[in-house]
Protein backbone atom coordinates (compact mmCIF):
# COMPACT_ATOMS: atom_id res chain seq x y z
CA UNK A 1 -78.95 -7.90 -5.63
CA UNK A 2 -75.19 -7.70 -5.58
CA UNK A 3 -74.03 -4.20 -6.73
CA UNK A 4 -71.35 -5.82 -8.84
CA UNK A 5 -74.08 -7.42 -10.94
CA UNK A 6 -75.24 -3.96 -12.00
CA UNK A 7 -71.88 -2.97 -13.40
CA UNK A 8 -71.59 -2.60 -17.15
CA UNK A 9 -68.29 -3.40 -18.83
CA UNK A 10 -68.08 -2.38 -22.51
CA UNK A 11 -64.79 -4.22 -22.76
CA UNK A 12 -66.60 -7.53 -22.26
CA UNK A 13 -68.45 -6.88 -25.51
CA UNK A 14 -65.70 -5.12 -27.46
CA UNK A 15 -62.85 -7.51 -26.71
CA UNK A 16 -64.44 -10.44 -28.65
CA UNK A 17 -65.09 -8.08 -31.57
CA UNK A 18 -61.46 -6.97 -31.63
CA UNK A 19 -60.31 -10.59 -31.39
CA UNK A 20 -62.60 -11.57 -34.28
CA UNK A 21 -61.34 -8.68 -36.42
CA UNK A 22 -57.75 -9.53 -35.63
CA UNK A 23 -58.28 -13.18 -36.51
CA UNK A 24 -60.38 -12.78 -39.67
CA UNK A 25 -59.31 -9.45 -41.19
CA UNK A 26 -55.59 -9.58 -40.51
CA UNK A 27 -54.67 -9.37 -44.24
CA UNK A 28 -56.75 -6.19 -44.57
CA UNK A 29 -55.07 -4.56 -41.58
CA UNK A 30 -51.68 -5.68 -42.84
CA UNK A 31 -52.40 -4.05 -46.20
CA UNK A 32 -53.49 -0.82 -44.49
CA UNK A 33 -50.27 -0.85 -42.49
CA UNK A 34 -48.17 -1.34 -45.61
CA UNK A 35 -49.90 1.52 -47.45
CA UNK A 36 -49.61 3.98 -44.56
CA UNK A 37 -45.99 3.04 -43.90
CA UNK A 38 -45.18 3.45 -47.61
CA UNK A 39 -46.78 6.90 -47.79
CA UNK A 40 -45.08 7.99 -44.58
CA UNK A 41 -41.76 6.68 -45.80
CA UNK A 42 -42.10 8.50 -49.12
CA UNK A 43 -42.91 11.82 -47.45
CA UNK A 44 -40.07 11.43 -44.96
CA UNK A 45 -37.64 10.52 -47.74
CA UNK A 46 -38.70 13.60 -49.67
CA UNK A 47 -38.22 15.87 -46.67
CA UNK A 48 -34.85 14.35 -45.79
CA UNK A 49 -33.54 13.99 -49.35
CA UNK A 50 -32.13 17.51 -49.55
CA UNK A 51 -29.74 19.03 -47.01
CA UNK A 52 -31.48 20.88 -44.16
CA UNK A 53 -30.34 24.31 -45.36
CA UNK A 54 -31.78 23.64 -48.81
CA UNK A 55 -35.12 22.65 -47.30
CA UNK A 56 -35.15 25.78 -45.15
CA UNK A 57 -34.47 27.98 -48.19
CA UNK A 58 -37.17 26.26 -50.27
CA UNK A 59 -39.81 26.52 -47.51
CA UNK A 60 -38.92 30.17 -46.87
CA UNK A 61 -39.13 30.96 -50.59
CA UNK A 62 -42.52 29.27 -50.91
CA UNK A 63 -43.77 31.12 -47.84
CA UNK A 64 -42.52 34.41 -49.32
CA UNK A 65 -44.29 33.94 -52.64
CA UNK A 66 -47.46 32.35 -51.23
CA UNK A 67 -47.89 34.46 -48.08
CA UNK A 68 -45.46 37.29 -47.22
CA UNK A 69 -41.92 38.00 -46.11
CA UNK A 70 -42.77 37.89 -42.39
CA UNK A 71 -44.04 34.34 -42.62
CA UNK A 72 -41.00 33.45 -44.73
CA UNK A 73 -38.63 34.70 -42.02
CA UNK A 74 -40.63 32.94 -39.31
CA UNK A 75 -40.60 29.69 -41.30
CA UNK A 76 -36.84 29.88 -41.72
CA UNK A 77 -36.41 30.60 -38.00
CA UNK A 78 -38.64 27.68 -36.91
CA UNK A 79 -36.94 25.17 -39.18
CA UNK A 80 -33.54 26.57 -38.26
CA UNK A 81 -34.37 26.11 -34.58
CA UNK A 82 -35.24 22.45 -35.16
CA UNK A 83 -31.87 22.04 -36.88
CA UNK A 84 -29.88 23.84 -34.21
CA UNK A 85 -31.34 21.82 -31.31
CA UNK A 86 -30.44 18.60 -33.12
CA UNK A 87 -33.93 17.36 -33.96
CA UNK A 88 -34.05 17.89 -37.72
CA UNK A 89 -34.82 14.26 -38.61
CA UNK A 90 -37.35 13.91 -35.79
CA UNK A 91 -39.03 17.15 -36.87
CA UNK A 92 -39.35 15.93 -40.46
CA UNK A 93 -40.80 12.65 -39.18
CA UNK A 94 -43.36 14.60 -37.15
CA UNK A 95 -44.29 16.80 -40.12
CA UNK A 96 -44.72 13.69 -42.28
CA UNK A 97 -46.94 12.03 -39.67
CA UNK A 98 -49.08 15.16 -39.34
CA UNK A 99 -49.31 15.52 -43.13
CA UNK A 100 -50.60 11.96 -43.62
CA UNK A 101 -53.05 12.26 -40.71
CA UNK A 102 -54.40 15.59 -42.01
CA UNK A 103 -54.79 14.26 -45.55
CA UNK A 104 -56.80 11.26 -44.32
CA UNK A 105 -58.82 13.44 -41.92
CA UNK A 106 -59.76 15.86 -44.70
CA UNK A 107 -60.55 13.01 -47.10
CA UNK A 108 -63.01 11.62 -44.54
CA UNK A 109 -64.37 14.86 -43.07
CA UNK A 110 -64.99 16.90 -46.22
CA UNK A 111 -67.47 14.56 -47.98
CA UNK A 112 -69.18 13.76 -44.67
CA UNK A 113 -69.48 17.48 -43.91
CA UNK A 114 -71.05 18.12 -47.31
CA UNK A 115 -73.52 15.29 -46.75
CA UNK A 116 -74.36 16.58 -43.25
CA UNK A 117 -75.12 20.01 -44.71
CA UNK A 118 -77.48 18.35 -47.18
CA UNK A 119 -79.21 15.96 -44.76
CA UNK A 120 -80.10 17.27 -41.30
CA UNK A 121 -80.90 13.81 -39.94
CA UNK A 122 -77.38 12.69 -40.76
CA UNK A 123 -76.01 15.80 -39.04
CA UNK A 124 -78.04 15.04 -35.92
CA UNK A 125 -76.61 11.51 -35.87
CA UNK A 126 -73.03 12.58 -36.53
CA UNK A 127 -72.91 15.41 -33.96
CA UNK A 128 -72.88 13.22 -30.80
CA UNK A 129 -70.33 10.92 -32.44
CA UNK A 130 -68.05 13.92 -32.96
CA UNK A 131 -68.57 14.93 -29.33
CA UNK A 132 -67.42 11.49 -28.20
CA UNK A 133 -64.41 11.56 -30.54
CA UNK A 134 -63.27 14.88 -29.08
CA UNK A 135 -63.90 14.16 -25.40
CA UNK A 136 -62.96 10.50 -24.88
CA UNK A 137 -59.29 10.19 -23.83
CA UNK A 138 -57.22 8.96 -26.77
CA UNK A 139 -55.92 5.98 -24.83
CA UNK A 140 -59.41 4.48 -24.92
CA UNK A 141 -59.54 4.02 -28.69
CA UNK A 142 -55.77 3.67 -28.97
CA UNK A 143 -55.88 0.36 -27.08
CA UNK A 144 -57.85 -1.57 -29.76
CA UNK A 145 -55.78 0.16 -32.46
CA UNK A 146 -52.59 -1.14 -30.87
CA UNK A 147 -54.16 -4.58 -30.43
CA UNK A 148 -54.96 -4.71 -34.14
CA UNK A 149 -52.00 -2.89 -35.70
CA UNK A 150 -49.40 -3.44 -32.95
CA UNK A 151 -47.07 -0.65 -31.80
CA UNK A 152 -45.82 1.83 -34.36
CA UNK A 153 -46.92 4.71 -36.49
CA UNK A 154 -50.21 3.26 -37.73
CA UNK A 155 -52.09 3.29 -34.38
CA UNK A 156 -50.61 6.73 -33.73
CA UNK A 157 -52.02 7.98 -37.03
CA UNK A 158 -55.40 6.46 -36.17
CA UNK A 159 -55.45 8.37 -32.88
CA UNK A 160 -54.40 11.54 -34.69
CA UNK A 161 -57.12 11.10 -37.32
CA UNK A 162 -59.79 10.65 -34.64
CA UNK A 163 -58.80 14.00 -33.16
CA UNK A 164 -58.42 15.70 -36.54
CA UNK A 165 -61.73 14.75 -38.14
CA UNK A 166 -64.20 16.58 -35.79
CA UNK A 167 -63.05 20.20 -36.35
CA UNK A 168 -62.78 19.73 -40.11
CA UNK A 169 -66.16 18.01 -40.31
CA UNK A 170 -67.93 20.57 -38.12
CA UNK A 171 -66.53 23.54 -40.03
CA UNK A 172 -67.24 21.92 -43.39
CA UNK A 173 -70.86 21.49 -42.38
CA UNK A 174 -70.97 25.06 -41.10
CA UNK A 175 -69.37 26.42 -44.27
CA UNK A 176 -71.96 24.84 -46.54
CA UNK A 177 -74.85 25.66 -44.22
CA UNK A 178 -73.90 29.34 -44.41
CA UNK A 179 -74.29 29.45 -48.20
CA UNK A 180 -77.54 31.09 -49.17
CA UNK A 181 -80.02 29.02 -51.15
CA UNK A 182 -80.14 31.68 -53.86
CA UNK A 183 -76.70 30.68 -55.08
CA UNK A 184 -77.69 27.04 -55.47
CA UNK A 185 -80.96 28.04 -57.13
CA UNK A 186 -79.01 30.23 -59.54
CA UNK A 187 -76.84 27.30 -60.53
CA UNK A 188 -79.88 25.10 -61.06
CA UNK A 189 -81.57 27.83 -63.08
CA UNK A 190 -78.72 28.00 -65.57
CA UNK A 191 -78.76 24.20 -65.92
CA UNK A 192 -75.58 23.41 -64.01
CA UNK A 193 -75.33 19.81 -62.77
CA UNK A 194 -74.99 19.20 -59.00
CA UNK A 195 -71.26 18.54 -59.28
CA UNK A 196 -70.68 21.85 -61.04
CA UNK A 197 -72.77 23.66 -58.42
CA UNK A 198 -70.68 22.07 -55.67
CA UNK A 199 -67.24 22.79 -57.11
CA UNK A 200 -67.86 26.06 -58.98
CA UNK A 201 -70.38 27.82 -56.74
CA UNK A 202 -70.51 26.35 -53.25
CA UNK A 203 -66.86 25.45 -52.76
CA UNK A 204 -65.48 28.93 -53.59
CA UNK A 205 -68.03 30.49 -51.23
CA UNK A 206 -67.07 28.08 -48.44
CA UNK A 207 -63.30 28.31 -48.93
CA UNK A 208 -62.52 30.65 -46.05
CA UNK A 209 -64.36 28.58 -43.43
CA UNK A 210 -62.89 25.38 -44.87
CA UNK A 211 -59.38 26.78 -44.45
CA UNK A 212 -60.16 27.60 -40.82
CA UNK A 213 -61.19 23.97 -40.35
CA UNK A 214 -57.97 22.84 -42.04
CA UNK A 215 -55.94 25.04 -39.69
CA UNK A 216 -57.65 23.54 -36.63
CA UNK A 217 -57.21 20.04 -38.02
CA UNK A 218 -53.46 20.62 -38.41
CA UNK A 219 -53.01 22.00 -34.90
CA UNK A 220 -55.03 19.25 -33.21
CA UNK A 221 -53.16 16.62 -35.18
CA UNK A 222 -49.85 18.11 -34.10
CA UNK A 223 -51.02 18.05 -30.49
CA UNK A 224 -51.04 14.24 -30.70
CA UNK A 225 -47.32 13.85 -31.51
CA UNK A 226 -46.41 13.10 -27.89
CA UNK A 227 -48.97 10.31 -27.81
CA UNK A 228 -47.54 9.06 -31.09
CA UNK A 229 -44.14 8.86 -29.44
CA UNK A 230 -45.52 6.80 -26.58
CA UNK A 231 -46.68 4.05 -28.96
CA UNK A 232 -43.46 3.92 -30.96
CA UNK A 233 -44.21 6.31 -33.84
CA UNK A 234 -40.91 8.16 -33.53
CA UNK A 235 -40.53 11.84 -34.27
CA UNK A 236 -40.46 14.59 -31.66
CA UNK A 237 -42.94 12.73 -29.49
CA UNK A 238 -40.42 9.94 -29.03
CA UNK A 239 -37.82 12.49 -27.88
CA UNK A 240 -40.23 13.89 -25.31
CA UNK A 241 -40.97 10.37 -24.10
CA UNK A 242 -37.26 9.59 -23.91
CA UNK A 243 -36.64 12.70 -21.84
CA UNK A 244 -39.47 11.74 -19.50
CA UNK A 245 -38.35 8.15 -18.98
CA UNK A 246 -34.72 9.18 -18.45
CA UNK A 247 -35.66 12.21 -16.35
CA UNK A 248 -33.56 14.41 -18.63
CA UNK A 249 -35.05 17.88 -18.41
CA UNK A 250 -32.81 19.29 -21.15
CA UNK A 251 -33.81 16.65 -23.69
CA UNK A 252 -37.51 16.98 -22.93
CA UNK A 253 -37.35 20.78 -23.04
CA UNK A 254 -35.51 20.85 -26.37
CA UNK A 255 -37.97 18.39 -27.91
CA UNK A 256 -40.94 20.34 -26.51
CA UNK A 257 -39.61 23.61 -27.94
CA UNK A 258 -39.07 21.89 -31.30
CA UNK A 259 -42.73 20.81 -31.23
CA UNK A 260 -43.68 24.43 -30.55
CA UNK A 261 -41.55 25.54 -33.50
CA UNK A 262 -43.23 23.04 -35.83
CA UNK A 263 -46.66 24.09 -34.52
CA UNK A 264 -45.90 27.78 -35.15
CA UNK A 265 -44.60 26.94 -38.63
CA UNK A 266 -47.69 25.00 -39.67
CA UNK A 267 -50.07 27.45 -38.01
CA UNK A 268 -48.59 30.54 -39.63
CA UNK A 269 -48.39 28.91 -43.04
CA UNK A 270 -52.02 27.76 -42.94
CA UNK A 271 -53.25 31.06 -41.50
CA UNK A 272 -51.16 32.97 -44.02
CA UNK A 273 -52.83 31.12 -46.86
CA UNK A 274 -56.16 32.00 -45.28
CA UNK A 275 -55.35 35.72 -44.97
CA UNK A 276 -53.28 36.24 -48.09
CA UNK A 277 -56.08 37.86 -50.00
CA UNK A 278 -59.83 38.39 -50.24
CA UNK A 279 -61.80 35.25 -50.82
CA UNK A 280 -65.41 34.91 -51.81
CA UNK A 281 -67.77 34.34 -48.94
CA UNK A 282 -71.48 33.96 -48.64
CA UNK A 283 -73.11 37.29 -47.79
């Protein structure tokens, strides 16, 4: 038998599927593109509406009142650095892209995590899928996304969502698995409906672990900004790509440091909200 006959090519099976989807569900994908672009545009417009110094002051003030003065100073420094190096607009575009990706990731991961904590068979099925999502190189699933949605921010957001869902979903499942059954039984004993038990008993007890998952989701989403730049999503990733293609070390270094500044900003803000005060946790 010829060894080539034993080779298995998933693309031979997936390519016709992608072609069929592209031919028959194009209006659906076009609508998804319009919605995502509209949300991204609205967030970017909101971030760029005020002058940079006004945005820096507002973010620092919110960080001061919500976290502490150290995080407020660090937030002002990070945003000020993005302004000084000349990447204010690109930084706001990156923050908008990460915000949309994180919102979609949480919207998908949170209910699935709750269901996985309720149904162990579903958790056993979802776990290997999450492993694949985290280990397969993003270019693999980015190729069909680009084939369907073309180049731009939408396939970049899809790649970012794929990387952002697993940590949030895993930690959501863990958070609800750690809650002792006595708390749920207490809610049932007083006649609380399942929705009230979820939102008034379980969710407060799981808040700390959920915020850890949100922090990891934000950081992993931000790690995809360079990939987003490679497929035409703009932002700081596009500046890194431009520095690479032009072999301009200064441009690439400035854009890379701006990405670090945005990462520190989002990390400290999310961690500050996590550590700002005692939260209920399951004993």
